[in-house]
Amino acid sequence: MEKNKDSKGKINIELDEKVAEGTYSNLAIINHSVSEFVIDFVSIMPGSPKNKVKSRIIITPQHAKKLAKALNDNISRFEDNFGSIKDYDNPKFQLNFGPTGKA
């Protein structure tokens, strides 16, 4: 009983080596419906004729809002420590999801 009391409110999270390596992304495409947000992470490389979605994360609207708040909080703390993050203008380009046209 005492053991359960200590672990109440704690989440045990495991991070395996492959996931810990991470996946590089320099583009995120976000779509949503009434019940979910879909975030596709893409790595765009200059001169590459095709760029693939490297990871897709699907979350509820409530979790999307929590994620946005957590990102904003972390960006503020980062800028407090290291200075303002410069926001570069990105070139406009057409997104093409292949023959199906679906994301």
N, C-alpha and C. Protein backbone atom coordinates (compact mmCIF):
# COMPACT_ATOMS: atom_id res chain seq x y z
N MET A 1 0.82 -1.20 0.00
CA MET A 1 0.00 0.00 0.00
C MET A 1 0.87 1.26 0.00
N GLU A 2 1.92 1.26 0.79
CA GLU A 2 2.83 2.41 0.88
C GLU A 2 3.52 2.67 -0.47
N LYS A 3 3.84 1.59 -1.20
CA LYS A 3 4.50 1.73 -2.50
C LYS A 3 3.59 2.44 -3.49
N ASN A 4 2.31 2.11 -3.50
CA ASN A 4 1.35 2.75 -4.38
C ASN A 4 1.20 4.23 -4.05
N LYS A 5 1.28 4.57 -2.79
CA LYS A 5 1.14 5.95 -2.36
C LYS A 5 2.29 6.80 -2.92
N ASP A 6 3.51 6.25 -2.92
CA ASP A 6 4.67 6.97 -3.42
C ASP A 6 4.62 7.17 -4.93
N SER A 7 4.06 6.21 -5.67
CA SER A 7 4.04 6.29 -7.13
C SER A 7 2.81 7.00 -7.66
N LYS A 8 1.89 7.39 -6.79
CA LYS A 8 0.69 8.07 -7.24
C LYS A 8 1.06 9.43 -7.84
N GLY A 9 0.53 9.70 -9.02
CA GLY A 9 0.80 10.96 -9.69
C GLY A 9 2.09 10.99 -10.47
N LYS A 10 2.82 9.87 -10.52
CA LYS A 10 4.06 9.81 -11.27
C LYS A 10 3.86 8.93 -12.50
N ILE A 11 4.54 9.30 -13.57
CA ILE A 11 4.47 8.53 -14.80
C ILE A 11 5.86 7.97 -15.08
N ASN A 12 5.94 6.68 -15.30
CA ASN A 12 7.20 6.04 -15.64
C ASN A 12 7.33 6.04 -17.16
N ILE A 13 8.37 6.72 -17.68
CA ILE A 13 8.57 6.85 -19.12
C ILE A 13 9.88 6.18 -19.51
N GLU A 14 9.82 5.36 -20.54
CA GLU A 14 11.02 4.68 -21.05
C GLU A 14 11.39 5.27 -22.40
N LEU A 15 12.67 5.55 -22.60
CA LEU A 15 13.17 6.10 -23.85
C LEU A 15 14.21 5.15 -24.40
N ASP A 16 13.85 4.42 -25.49
CA ASP A 16 14.83 3.48 -26.04
C ASP A 16 15.87 4.22 -26.88
N GLU A 17 16.96 3.55 -27.19
CA GLU A 17 18.11 4.18 -27.86
C GLU A 17 17.75 4.74 -29.22
N LYS A 18 16.97 4.04 -30.00
CA LYS A 18 16.62 4.49 -31.35
C LYS A 18 15.81 5.79 -31.29
N VAL A 19 14.85 5.85 -30.40
CA VAL A 19 14.04 7.06 -30.26
C VAL A 19 14.88 8.20 -29.69
N ALA A 20 15.78 7.88 -28.78
CA ALA A 20 16.64 8.90 -28.16
C ALA A 20 17.53 9.60 -29.17
N GLU A 21 17.86 8.94 -30.29
CA GLU A 21 18.66 9.56 -31.33
C GLU A 21 17.95 10.75 -31.96
N GLY A 22 16.63 10.72 -31.98
CA GLY A 22 15.84 11.80 -32.55
C GLY A 22 15.78 11.73 -34.06
N THR A 23 14.95 12.58 -34.64
CA THR A 23 14.80 12.68 -36.08
C THR A 23 14.83 14.16 -36.44
N TYR A 24 15.73 14.53 -37.35
CA TYR A 24 15.85 15.93 -37.76
C TYR A 24 14.67 16.33 -38.63
N SER A 25 14.14 17.54 -38.37
CA SER A 25 13.06 18.10 -39.16
C SER A 25 13.26 19.60 -39.27
N ASN A 26 13.06 20.14 -40.48
CA ASN A 26 13.10 21.59 -40.64
C ASN A 26 11.80 22.13 -41.23
N LEU A 27 10.76 21.29 -41.19
CA LEU A 27 9.44 21.71 -41.63
C LEU A 27 8.39 20.90 -40.86
N ALA A 28 7.40 21.59 -40.35
CA ALA A 28 6.26 20.91 -39.72
C ALA A 28 5.00 21.38 -40.44
N ILE A 29 4.19 20.42 -40.83
CA ILE A 29 2.91 20.71 -41.50
C ILE A 29 1.82 20.28 -40.53
N ILE A 30 0.93 21.21 -40.23
CA ILE A 30 -0.11 20.93 -39.23
C ILE A 30 -1.49 21.00 -39.88
N ASN A 31 -2.27 19.95 -39.69
CA ASN A 31 -3.66 19.90 -40.12
C ASN A 31 -4.50 19.52 -38.92
N HIS A 32 -5.79 19.80 -38.99
CA HIS A 32 -6.65 19.44 -37.86
C HIS A 32 -8.08 19.15 -38.32
N SER A 33 -8.74 18.39 -37.48
CA SER A 33 -10.18 18.15 -37.63
C SER A 33 -10.81 18.53 -36.30
N VAL A 34 -12.05 18.26 -36.15
CA VAL A 34 -12.73 18.58 -34.89
C VAL A 34 -12.18 17.74 -33.73
N SER A 35 -11.61 16.58 -34.02
CA SER A 35 -11.21 15.67 -32.95
C SER A 35 -9.71 15.47 -32.80
N GLU A 36 -8.89 15.97 -33.77
CA GLU A 36 -7.46 15.71 -33.67
C GLU A 36 -6.63 16.73 -34.44
N PHE A 37 -5.39 16.86 -34.02
CA PHE A 37 -4.38 17.63 -34.75
C PHE A 37 -3.37 16.62 -35.29
N VAL A 38 -2.97 16.80 -36.55
CA VAL A 38 -1.99 15.93 -37.18
C VAL A 38 -0.78 16.80 -37.51
N ILE A 39 0.38 16.43 -36.95
CA ILE A 39 1.61 17.18 -37.19
C ILE A 39 2.58 16.27 -37.94
N ASP A 40 2.89 16.65 -39.17
CA ASP A 40 3.86 15.92 -39.99
C ASP A 40 5.19 16.66 -39.92
N PHE A 41 6.25 15.94 -39.57
CA PHE A 41 7.60 16.50 -39.51
C PHE A 41 8.36 16.03 -40.75
N VAL A 42 8.90 17.00 -41.50
CA VAL A 42 9.57 16.73 -42.77
C VAL A 42 10.99 17.27 -42.70
N SER A 43 11.90 16.62 -43.41
CA SER A 43 13.26 17.12 -43.55
C SER A 43 13.45 17.49 -45.02
N ILE A 44 13.53 18.79 -45.28
CA ILE A 44 13.69 19.30 -46.64
C ILE A 44 15.18 19.50 -46.89
N MET A 45 15.72 18.87 -47.92
CA MET A 45 17.13 19.02 -48.27
C MET A 45 17.25 19.69 -49.63
N PRO A 46 18.13 20.70 -49.74
CA PRO A 46 18.30 21.41 -51.02
C PRO A 46 18.66 20.44 -52.15
N GLY A 47 18.00 20.62 -53.28
CA GLY A 47 18.29 19.80 -54.46
C GLY A 47 17.62 18.44 -54.47
N SER A 48 16.96 18.09 -53.38
CA SER A 48 16.30 16.79 -53.32
C SER A 48 14.97 16.86 -54.06
N PRO A 49 14.75 15.94 -55.03
CA PRO A 49 13.49 15.99 -55.78
C PRO A 49 12.28 15.57 -54.96
N LYS A 50 12.51 14.77 -53.93
CA LYS A 50 11.43 14.27 -53.09
C LYS A 50 11.84 14.37 -51.63
N ASN A 51 10.94 14.85 -50.79
CA ASN A 51 11.19 14.95 -49.36
C ASN A 51 10.08 14.20 -48.65
N LYS A 52 10.45 13.30 -47.75
CA LYS A 52 9.47 12.45 -47.10
C LYS A 52 9.13 12.94 -45.71
N VAL A 53 7.90 12.65 -45.29
CA VAL A 53 7.50 12.87 -43.91
C VAL A 53 8.32 11.89 -43.07
N LYS A 54 9.02 12.40 -42.08
CA LYS A 54 9.87 11.58 -41.22
C LYS A 54 9.11 11.05 -40.02
N SER A 55 8.11 11.81 -39.58
CA SER A 55 7.34 11.40 -38.41
C SER A 55 5.99 12.09 -38.44
N ARG A 56 4.96 11.39 -38.02
CA ARG A 56 3.61 11.96 -37.92
C ARG A 56 3.13 11.76 -36.49
N ILE A 57 2.71 12.84 -35.88
CA ILE A 57 2.18 12.79 -34.52
C ILE A 57 0.72 13.23 -34.57
N ILE A 58 -0.15 12.44 -33.97
CA ILE A 58 -1.59 12.75 -33.93
C ILE A 58 -1.98 12.94 -32.47
N ILE A 59 -2.54 14.12 -32.17
CA ILE A 59 -2.90 14.44 -30.79
C ILE A 59 -4.29 15.07 -30.73
N THR A 60 -4.87 15.07 -29.54
CA THR A 60 -6.18 15.69 -29.34
C THR A 60 -6.03 17.21 -29.33
N PRO A 61 -7.11 17.94 -29.58
CA PRO A 61 -7.05 19.41 -29.50
C PRO A 61 -6.56 19.90 -28.13
N GLN A 62 -6.95 19.21 -27.06
CA GLN A 62 -6.51 19.61 -25.72
C GLN A 62 -5.00 19.47 -25.58
N HIS A 63 -4.45 18.38 -26.09
CA HIS A 63 -3.00 18.19 -26.03
C HIS A 63 -2.27 19.15 -26.96
N ALA A 64 -2.88 19.50 -28.09
CA ALA A 64 -2.28 20.49 -28.99
C ALA A 64 -2.14 21.83 -28.28
N LYS A 65 -3.17 22.21 -27.53
CA LYS A 65 -3.12 23.47 -26.79
C LYS A 65 -2.05 23.42 -25.70
N LYS A 66 -1.95 22.29 -25.00
CA LYS A 66 -0.91 22.13 -23.98
C LYS A 66 0.48 22.17 -24.61
N LEU A 67 0.63 21.56 -25.79
CA LEU A 67 1.91 21.57 -26.50
C LEU A 67 2.29 23.00 -26.90
N ALA A 68 1.32 23.76 -27.42
CA ALA A 68 1.59 25.14 -27.81
C ALA A 68 2.03 25.97 -26.60
N LYS A 69 1.38 25.78 -25.47
CA LYS A 69 1.76 26.50 -24.24
C LYS A 69 3.16 26.09 -23.79
N ALA A 70 3.44 24.79 -23.81
CA ALA A 70 4.76 24.31 -23.39
C ALA A 70 5.86 24.84 -24.31
N LEU A 71 5.61 24.87 -25.62
CA LEU A 71 6.58 25.43 -26.57
C LEU A 71 6.81 26.91 -26.30
N ASN A 72 5.74 27.67 -26.11
CA ASN A 72 5.87 29.09 -25.82
C ASN A 72 6.65 29.34 -24.54
N ASP A 73 6.36 28.57 -23.49
CA ASP A 73 7.08 28.71 -22.22
C ASP A 73 8.56 28.41 -22.40
N ASN A 74 8.87 27.35 -23.14
CA ASN A 74 10.27 26.97 -23.35
C ASN A 74 11.00 27.97 -24.25
N ILE A 75 10.33 28.51 -25.24
CA ILE A 75 10.95 29.53 -26.09
C ILE A 75 11.26 30.77 -25.26
N SER A 76 10.35 31.17 -24.40
CA SER A 76 10.59 32.33 -23.53
C SER A 76 11.80 32.10 -22.64
N ARG A 77 11.89 30.92 -22.03
CA ARG A 77 13.04 30.61 -21.17
C ARG A 77 14.34 30.57 -21.98
N PHE A 78 14.29 29.99 -23.18
CA PHE A 78 15.46 29.95 -24.05
C PHE A 78 15.94 31.37 -24.36
N GLU A 79 15.00 32.24 -24.76
CA GLU A 79 15.36 33.61 -25.13
C GLU A 79 15.85 34.41 -23.92
N ASP A 80 15.34 34.12 -22.75
CA ASP A 80 15.85 34.76 -21.53
C ASP A 80 17.32 34.40 -21.30
N ASN A 81 17.69 33.18 -21.63
CA ASN A 81 19.06 32.70 -21.42
C ASN A 81 20.02 33.04 -22.57
N PHE A 82 19.52 32.98 -23.80
CA PHE A 82 20.41 33.06 -24.96
C PHE A 82 20.11 34.21 -25.91
N GLY A 83 19.10 34.98 -25.65
CA GLY A 83 18.74 36.09 -26.53
C GLY A 83 17.64 35.70 -27.50
N SER A 84 17.15 36.69 -28.20
CA SER A 84 16.02 36.53 -29.11
C SER A 84 16.35 35.58 -30.27
N ILE A 85 15.40 34.75 -30.61
CA ILE A 85 15.53 33.86 -31.77
C ILE A 85 15.09 34.64 -33.00
N LYS A 86 15.97 34.75 -33.98
CA LYS A 86 15.63 35.47 -35.20
C LYS A 86 14.67 34.63 -36.03
N ASP A 87 13.62 35.28 -36.50
CA ASP A 87 12.62 34.61 -37.33
C ASP A 87 12.88 34.98 -38.79
N TYR A 88 13.47 34.07 -39.55
CA TYR A 88 13.79 34.31 -40.95
C TYR A 88 12.56 34.12 -41.81
N ASP A 89 12.46 34.94 -42.87
CA ASP A 89 11.39 34.73 -43.84
C ASP A 89 11.72 33.49 -44.65
N ASN A 90 10.78 32.58 -44.76
CA ASN A 90 10.99 31.36 -45.53
C ASN A 90 10.50 31.56 -46.95
N PRO A 91 11.21 31.00 -47.92
CA PRO A 91 10.73 31.12 -49.30
C PRO A 91 9.41 30.37 -49.46
N LYS A 92 8.57 30.89 -50.31
CA LYS A 92 7.29 30.24 -50.58
C LYS A 92 7.51 29.06 -51.52
N PHE A 93 6.88 27.94 -51.21
CA PHE A 93 6.98 26.78 -52.09
C PHE A 93 5.69 25.98 -52.00
N GLN A 94 5.42 25.25 -53.06
CA GLN A 94 4.22 24.43 -53.17
C GLN A 94 4.44 23.08 -52.49
N LEU A 95 3.52 22.67 -51.64
CA LEU A 95 3.59 21.35 -51.02
C LEU A 95 2.85 20.37 -51.90
N ASN A 96 3.49 19.24 -52.19
CA ASN A 96 2.89 18.22 -53.04
C ASN A 96 2.95 16.90 -52.29
N PHE A 97 1.80 16.33 -52.02
CA PHE A 97 1.74 15.08 -51.27
C PHE A 97 1.61 13.86 -52.18
N GLY A 98 2.15 13.94 -53.37
CA GLY A 98 2.15 12.80 -54.27
C GLY A 98 0.84 12.62 -54.99
N PRO A 99 0.66 11.44 -55.62
CA PRO A 99 -0.50 11.24 -56.49
C PRO A 99 -1.84 11.26 -55.77
N THR A 100 -1.87 10.96 -54.46
CA THR A 100 -3.17 10.94 -53.75
C THR A 100 -3.62 12.32 -53.35
N GLY A 101 -2.66 13.23 -53.12
CA GLY A 101 -3.02 14.59 -52.71
C GLY A 101 -3.50 14.66 -51.28
N LYS A 102 -3.29 13.60 -50.51
CA LYS A 102 -3.77 13.58 -49.13
C LYS A 102 -2.58 13.65 -48.19
N ALA A 103 -2.80 14.29 -47.06
CA ALA A 103 -1.74 14.34 -46.03
C ALA A 103 -2.08 13.44 -44.88
